[in-house]
Amino acid sequence: MTTYSKDDFGIVIDGQLHSVDWMPYLVDSLSNKVLNNIISKIDKKLQTNPPDFTSDARNYTVGQVAKMTNKSVSTITRHCRIGLLKASKVGKSWLIREKDYIIYRDNVDDE
């Protein structure tokens, strides 16, 4: 039985390796095309919907929103997780922008 190294490129037909010298270039080319496609999609997304990084914007934690709304921390966390309260996951915590809190406060009935 023939063994092949990790540097062998080619096509195996009936147990025989048929060397394809251009295979590494094809793999690199395809990898670059995929990466460029991903980067292009991210750029388009950022152009059509730029992030809102205003320096005077206020952010709240789940605990702060829970106190302001008289709800439990677990309820606010659940609302973040299901999308009822728009929030960003930062590590294991949620971060809620002030404008998202205001929308939530004005549109969610007390439980």
N, C-alpha and C. Protein backbone atom coordinates (compact mmCIF):
# COMPACT_ATOMS: atom_id res chain seq x y z
N MET A 1 0.84 -1.17 0.00
CA MET A 1 0.00 0.00 0.00
C MET A 1 0.88 1.24 0.00
N THR A 2 0.54 2.20 -0.85
CA THR A 2 1.32 3.43 -0.97
C THR A 2 0.86 4.44 0.07
N THR A 3 1.82 5.09 0.71
CA THR A 3 1.47 6.15 1.65
C THR A 3 1.82 7.49 1.02
N TYR A 4 1.02 8.48 1.36
CA TYR A 4 1.22 9.81 0.79
C TYR A 4 1.50 10.78 1.90
N SER A 5 2.30 11.79 1.59
CA SER A 5 2.58 12.82 2.59
C SER A 5 1.60 13.96 2.45
N LYS A 6 1.62 14.86 3.41
CA LYS A 6 0.71 16.00 3.37
C LYS A 6 1.05 16.95 2.22
N ASP A 7 2.24 16.82 1.64
CA ASP A 7 2.65 17.70 0.54
C ASP A 7 2.27 17.15 -0.84
N ASP A 8 1.73 15.93 -0.87
CA ASP A 8 1.33 15.34 -2.14
C ASP A 8 -0.01 15.91 -2.57
N PHE A 9 -0.05 16.49 -3.77
CA PHE A 9 -1.28 17.01 -4.32
C PHE A 9 -1.60 16.24 -5.58
N GLY A 10 -2.84 15.92 -5.73
CA GLY A 10 -3.23 15.23 -6.94
C GLY A 10 -4.56 14.54 -6.78
N ILE A 11 -4.83 13.67 -7.71
CA ILE A 11 -6.08 12.92 -7.71
C ILE A 11 -5.72 11.45 -7.63
N VAL A 12 -6.40 10.73 -6.74
CA VAL A 12 -6.14 9.29 -6.60
C VAL A 12 -7.21 8.54 -7.38
N ILE A 13 -6.77 7.76 -8.34
CA ILE A 13 -7.66 6.93 -9.14
C ILE A 13 -7.14 5.50 -9.06
N ASP A 14 -8.00 4.60 -8.61
CA ASP A 14 -7.63 3.19 -8.45
C ASP A 14 -6.36 3.03 -7.63
N GLY A 15 -6.23 3.84 -6.58
CA GLY A 15 -5.08 3.71 -5.68
C GLY A 15 -3.82 4.36 -6.20
N GLN A 16 -3.85 4.94 -7.36
CA GLN A 16 -2.67 5.60 -7.93
C GLN A 16 -2.82 7.11 -7.82
N LEU A 17 -1.77 7.79 -7.32
CA LEU A 17 -1.78 9.24 -7.24
C LEU A 17 -1.34 9.82 -8.58
N HIS A 18 -2.21 10.61 -9.14
CA HIS A 18 -1.89 11.33 -10.37
C HIS A 18 -1.61 12.76 -9.97
N SER A 19 -0.35 13.13 -10.03
CA SER A 19 0.10 14.43 -9.56
C SER A 19 -0.55 15.56 -10.36
N VAL A 20 -0.95 16.56 -9.65
CA VAL A 20 -1.51 17.75 -10.27
C VAL A 20 -0.70 18.92 -9.71
N ASP A 21 0.24 19.40 -10.51
CA ASP A 21 1.15 20.44 -10.04
C ASP A 21 0.45 21.76 -9.73
N TRP A 22 -0.65 22.01 -10.39
CA TRP A 22 -1.34 23.29 -10.21
C TRP A 22 -2.33 23.28 -9.05
N MET A 23 -2.50 22.16 -8.36
CA MET A 23 -3.48 22.06 -7.28
C MET A 23 -3.24 23.07 -6.16
N PRO A 24 -2.01 23.27 -5.65
CA PRO A 24 -1.82 24.26 -4.59
C PRO A 24 -2.26 25.67 -5.01
N TYR A 25 -2.00 26.01 -6.26
CA TYR A 25 -2.39 27.34 -6.76
C TYR A 25 -3.91 27.46 -6.84
N LEU A 26 -4.58 26.37 -7.21
CA LEU A 26 -6.03 26.38 -7.27
C LEU A 26 -6.63 26.57 -5.88
N VAL A 27 -6.08 25.85 -4.91
CA VAL A 27 -6.57 25.97 -3.53
C VAL A 27 -6.36 27.40 -3.03
N ASP A 28 -5.18 27.97 -3.25
CA ASP A 28 -4.91 29.35 -2.82
C ASP A 28 -5.84 30.33 -3.51
N SER A 29 -6.05 30.15 -4.79
CA SER A 29 -6.91 31.04 -5.55
C SER A 29 -8.35 30.99 -5.04
N LEU A 30 -8.85 29.77 -4.83
CA LEU A 30 -10.21 29.64 -4.32
C LEU A 30 -10.34 30.23 -2.92
N SER A 31 -9.33 30.01 -2.08
CA SER A 31 -9.36 30.57 -0.73
C SER A 31 -9.41 32.09 -0.78
N ASN A 32 -8.60 32.69 -1.65
CA ASN A 32 -8.58 34.14 -1.79
C ASN A 32 -9.91 34.66 -2.31
N LYS A 33 -10.52 33.94 -3.26
CA LYS A 33 -11.81 34.37 -3.80
C LYS A 33 -12.89 34.33 -2.72
N VAL A 34 -12.88 33.29 -1.91
CA VAL A 34 -13.86 33.17 -0.83
C VAL A 34 -13.67 34.29 0.18
N LEU A 35 -12.43 34.54 0.59
CA LEU A 35 -12.16 35.62 1.54
C LEU A 35 -12.55 36.98 0.98
N ASN A 36 -12.21 37.23 -0.29
CA ASN A 36 -12.57 38.50 -0.91
C ASN A 36 -14.08 38.67 -1.00
N ASN A 37 -14.80 37.58 -1.26
CA ASN A 37 -16.26 37.62 -1.31
C ASN A 37 -16.83 37.99 0.07
N ILE A 38 -16.31 37.38 1.10
CA ILE A 38 -16.77 37.67 2.47
C ILE A 38 -16.48 39.13 2.82
N ILE A 39 -15.27 39.59 2.53
CA ILE A 39 -14.90 40.98 2.82
C ILE A 39 -15.80 41.94 2.06
N SER A 40 -16.08 41.62 0.81
CA SER A 40 -16.95 42.47 -0.01
C SER A 40 -18.35 42.56 0.59
N LYS A 41 -18.89 41.44 1.06
CA LYS A 41 -20.23 41.44 1.66
C LYS A 41 -20.25 42.26 2.95
N ILE A 42 -19.20 42.16 3.75
CA ILE A 42 -19.12 42.94 4.98
C ILE A 42 -19.04 44.43 4.66
N ASP A 43 -18.22 44.79 3.66
CA ASP A 43 -18.11 46.19 3.26
C ASP A 43 -19.45 46.75 2.80
N LYS A 44 -20.18 45.98 1.98
CA LYS A 44 -21.49 46.44 1.50
C LYS A 44 -22.46 46.63 2.65
N LYS A 45 -22.43 45.70 3.61
CA LYS A 45 -23.32 45.78 4.77
C LYS A 45 -23.01 47.03 5.59
N LEU A 46 -21.72 47.32 5.79
CA LEU A 46 -21.33 48.49 6.55
C LEU A 46 -21.68 49.79 5.83
N GLN A 47 -21.64 49.77 4.49
CA GLN A 47 -21.98 50.97 3.72
C GLN A 47 -23.48 51.24 3.77
N THR A 48 -24.29 50.20 3.72
CA THR A 48 -25.74 50.38 3.72
C THR A 48 -26.30 50.58 5.12
N ASN A 49 -25.62 50.05 6.13
CA ASN A 49 -26.10 50.16 7.51
C ASN A 49 -24.92 50.40 8.44
N PRO A 50 -24.36 51.63 8.42
CA PRO A 50 -23.17 51.88 9.24
C PRO A 50 -23.49 51.79 10.72
N PRO A 51 -22.53 51.34 11.52
CA PRO A 51 -22.76 51.24 12.96
C PRO A 51 -22.91 52.64 13.57
N ASP A 52 -23.69 52.72 14.61
CA ASP A 52 -23.95 53.98 15.29
C ASP A 52 -23.02 54.09 16.49
N PHE A 53 -21.89 54.76 16.27
CA PHE A 53 -20.90 54.92 17.34
C PHE A 53 -20.86 56.36 17.81
N THR A 54 -21.94 56.84 18.37
CA THR A 54 -21.95 58.20 18.88
C THR A 54 -21.37 58.20 20.28
N SER A 55 -20.51 59.16 20.54
CA SER A 55 -19.79 59.17 21.81
C SER A 55 -20.70 59.51 22.99
N ASP A 56 -21.81 60.21 22.73
CA ASP A 56 -22.68 60.58 23.82
C ASP A 56 -23.78 59.55 24.07
N ALA A 57 -23.74 58.44 23.37
CA ALA A 57 -24.75 57.40 23.56
C ALA A 57 -24.53 56.71 24.90
N ARG A 58 -25.61 56.37 25.56
CA ARG A 58 -25.54 55.71 26.86
C ARG A 58 -25.89 54.24 26.66
N ASN A 59 -25.19 53.39 27.38
CA ASN A 59 -25.46 51.96 27.34
C ASN A 59 -25.83 51.48 28.73
N TYR A 60 -26.66 50.44 28.77
CA TYR A 60 -27.12 49.89 30.05
C TYR A 60 -26.81 48.40 30.12
N THR A 61 -26.68 47.93 31.34
CA THR A 61 -26.55 46.49 31.58
C THR A 61 -27.94 45.92 31.81
N VAL A 62 -28.03 44.62 31.84
CA VAL A 62 -29.31 43.95 32.12
C VAL A 62 -29.81 44.34 33.51
N GLY A 63 -28.91 44.42 34.47
CA GLY A 63 -29.30 44.79 35.83
C GLY A 63 -29.88 46.20 35.90
N GLN A 64 -29.28 47.13 35.17
CA GLN A 64 -29.78 48.51 35.17
C GLN A 64 -31.18 48.58 34.54
N VAL A 65 -31.35 47.89 33.42
CA VAL A 65 -32.66 47.89 32.76
C VAL A 65 -33.70 47.21 33.66
N ALA A 66 -33.30 46.15 34.34
CA ALA A 66 -34.23 45.46 35.24
C ALA A 66 -34.71 46.41 36.34
N LYS A 67 -33.82 47.18 36.92
CA LYS A 67 -34.21 48.14 37.95
C LYS A 67 -35.13 49.22 37.38
N MET A 68 -34.80 49.73 36.19
CA MET A 68 -35.58 50.82 35.61
C MET A 68 -36.97 50.39 35.20
N THR A 69 -37.14 49.10 34.89
CA THR A 69 -38.44 48.60 34.43
C THR A 69 -39.19 47.81 35.49
N ASN A 70 -38.58 47.66 36.66
CA ASN A 70 -39.17 46.84 37.73
C ASN A 70 -39.44 45.41 37.28
N LYS A 71 -38.53 44.88 36.50
CA LYS A 71 -38.60 43.48 36.07
C LYS A 71 -37.38 42.75 36.63
N SER A 72 -37.43 41.44 36.61
CA SER A 72 -36.29 40.67 37.11
C SER A 72 -35.18 40.63 36.06
N VAL A 73 -33.97 40.39 36.54
CA VAL A 73 -32.82 40.26 35.65
C VAL A 73 -33.04 39.12 34.66
N SER A 74 -33.62 38.02 35.12
CA SER A 74 -33.84 36.87 34.23
C SER A 74 -34.85 37.21 33.13
N THR A 75 -35.85 38.04 33.46
CA THR A 75 -36.83 38.45 32.44
C THR A 75 -36.17 39.31 31.38
N ILE A 76 -35.35 40.28 31.81
CA ILE A 76 -34.67 41.15 30.85
C ILE A 76 -33.70 40.34 30.01
N THR A 77 -32.98 39.42 30.63
CA THR A 77 -32.05 38.55 29.89
C THR A 77 -32.80 37.74 28.84
N ARG A 78 -33.94 37.19 29.22
CA ARG A 78 -34.76 36.41 28.29
C ARG A 78 -35.24 37.29 27.14
N HIS A 79 -35.66 38.51 27.44
CA HIS A 79 -36.12 39.43 26.40
C HIS A 79 -34.99 39.80 25.44
N CYS A 80 -33.77 39.91 25.95
CA CYS A 80 -32.60 40.14 25.08
C CYS A 80 -32.36 38.93 24.19
N ARG A 81 -32.42 37.75 24.78
CA ARG A 81 -32.13 36.52 24.06
C ARG A 81 -33.14 36.27 22.94
N ILE A 82 -34.42 36.56 23.17
CA ILE A 82 -35.44 36.30 22.15
C ILE A 82 -35.65 37.48 21.20
N GLY A 83 -34.95 38.60 21.48
CA GLY A 83 -35.03 39.73 20.58
C GLY A 83 -36.11 40.75 20.89
N LEU A 84 -36.80 40.57 21.97
CA LEU A 84 -37.82 41.54 22.36
C LEU A 84 -37.16 42.87 22.76
N LEU A 85 -35.99 42.77 23.38
CA LEU A 85 -35.17 43.93 23.72
C LEU A 85 -33.89 43.80 22.91
N LYS A 86 -33.67 44.74 22.00
CA LYS A 86 -32.48 44.69 21.16
C LYS A 86 -31.25 44.95 22.03
N ALA A 87 -30.30 44.02 21.98
CA ALA A 87 -29.09 44.13 22.80
C ALA A 87 -27.95 43.42 22.11
N SER A 88 -26.74 43.74 22.53
CA SER A 88 -25.54 43.10 21.99
C SER A 88 -24.92 42.23 23.07
N LYS A 89 -24.50 41.05 22.66
CA LYS A 89 -23.85 40.13 23.60
C LYS A 89 -22.38 40.50 23.69
N VAL A 90 -21.92 40.80 24.89
CA VAL A 90 -20.52 41.14 25.13
C VAL A 90 -19.99 40.14 26.14
N GLY A 91 -19.25 39.15 25.65
CA GLY A 91 -18.82 38.06 26.52
C GLY A 91 -20.03 37.28 27.00
N LYS A 92 -20.23 37.23 28.30
CA LYS A 92 -21.40 36.54 28.86
C LYS A 92 -22.51 37.51 29.23
N SER A 93 -22.29 38.80 28.99
CA SER A 93 -23.25 39.83 29.38
C SER A 93 -23.94 40.42 28.16
N TRP A 94 -25.00 41.16 28.43
CA TRP A 94 -25.73 41.88 27.40
C TRP A 94 -25.51 43.37 27.59
N LEU A 95 -25.41 44.10 26.48
CA LEU A 95 -25.28 45.54 26.51
C LEU A 95 -26.44 46.13 25.73
N ILE A 96 -27.18 47.04 26.36
CA ILE A 96 -28.39 47.61 25.76
C ILE A 96 -28.16 49.09 25.51
N ARG A 97 -28.33 49.53 24.26
CA ARG A 97 -28.18 50.95 23.95
C ARG A 97 -29.40 51.71 24.48
N GLU A 98 -29.19 52.96 24.83
CA GLU A 98 -30.25 53.78 25.40
C GLU A 98 -31.46 53.85 24.48
N LYS A 99 -31.23 54.04 23.18
CA LYS A 99 -32.37 54.15 22.27
C LYS A 99 -33.15 52.83 22.19
N ASP A 100 -32.47 51.70 22.32
CA ASP A 100 -33.16 50.41 22.32
C ASP A 100 -33.94 50.21 23.61
N TYR A 101 -33.38 50.69 24.73
CA TYR A 101 -34.10 50.63 25.99
C TYR A 101 -35.39 51.45 25.91
N ILE A 102 -35.29 52.65 25.34
CA ILE A 102 -36.47 53.53 25.25
C ILE A 102 -37.55 52.88 24.39
N ILE A 103 -37.17 52.30 23.28
CA ILE A 103 -38.14 51.59 22.42
C ILE A 103 -38.79 50.45 23.20
N TYR A 104 -37.98 49.68 23.91
CA TYR A 104 -38.49 48.57 24.71
C TYR A 104 -39.44 49.08 25.79
N ARG A 105 -39.02 50.10 26.52
CA ARG A 105 -39.83 50.67 27.62
C ARG A 105 -41.19 51.15 27.11
N ASP A 106 -41.17 51.79 25.94
CA ASP A 106 -42.41 52.37 25.40
C ASP A 106 -43.35 51.34 24.76
N ASN A 107 -42.82 50.18 24.43
CA ASN A 107 -43.62 49.21 23.68
C ASN A 107 -43.94 47.91 24.41
N VAL A 108 -43.38 47.69 25.57
CA VAL A 108 -43.61 46.43 26.29
C VAL A 108 -44.53 46.70 27.48
N ASP A 109 -45.59 45.92 27.53
CA ASP A 109 -46.52 46.03 28.65
C ASP A 109 -45.93 45.39 29.89
N ASP A 110 -46.32 45.87 31.05
CA ASP A 110 -45.88 45.24 32.29
C ASP A 110 -46.47 43.85 32.39
N GLU A 111 -45.64 42.93 32.87
CA GLU A 111 -46.10 41.54 33.00
C GLU A 111 -46.80 41.35 34.31
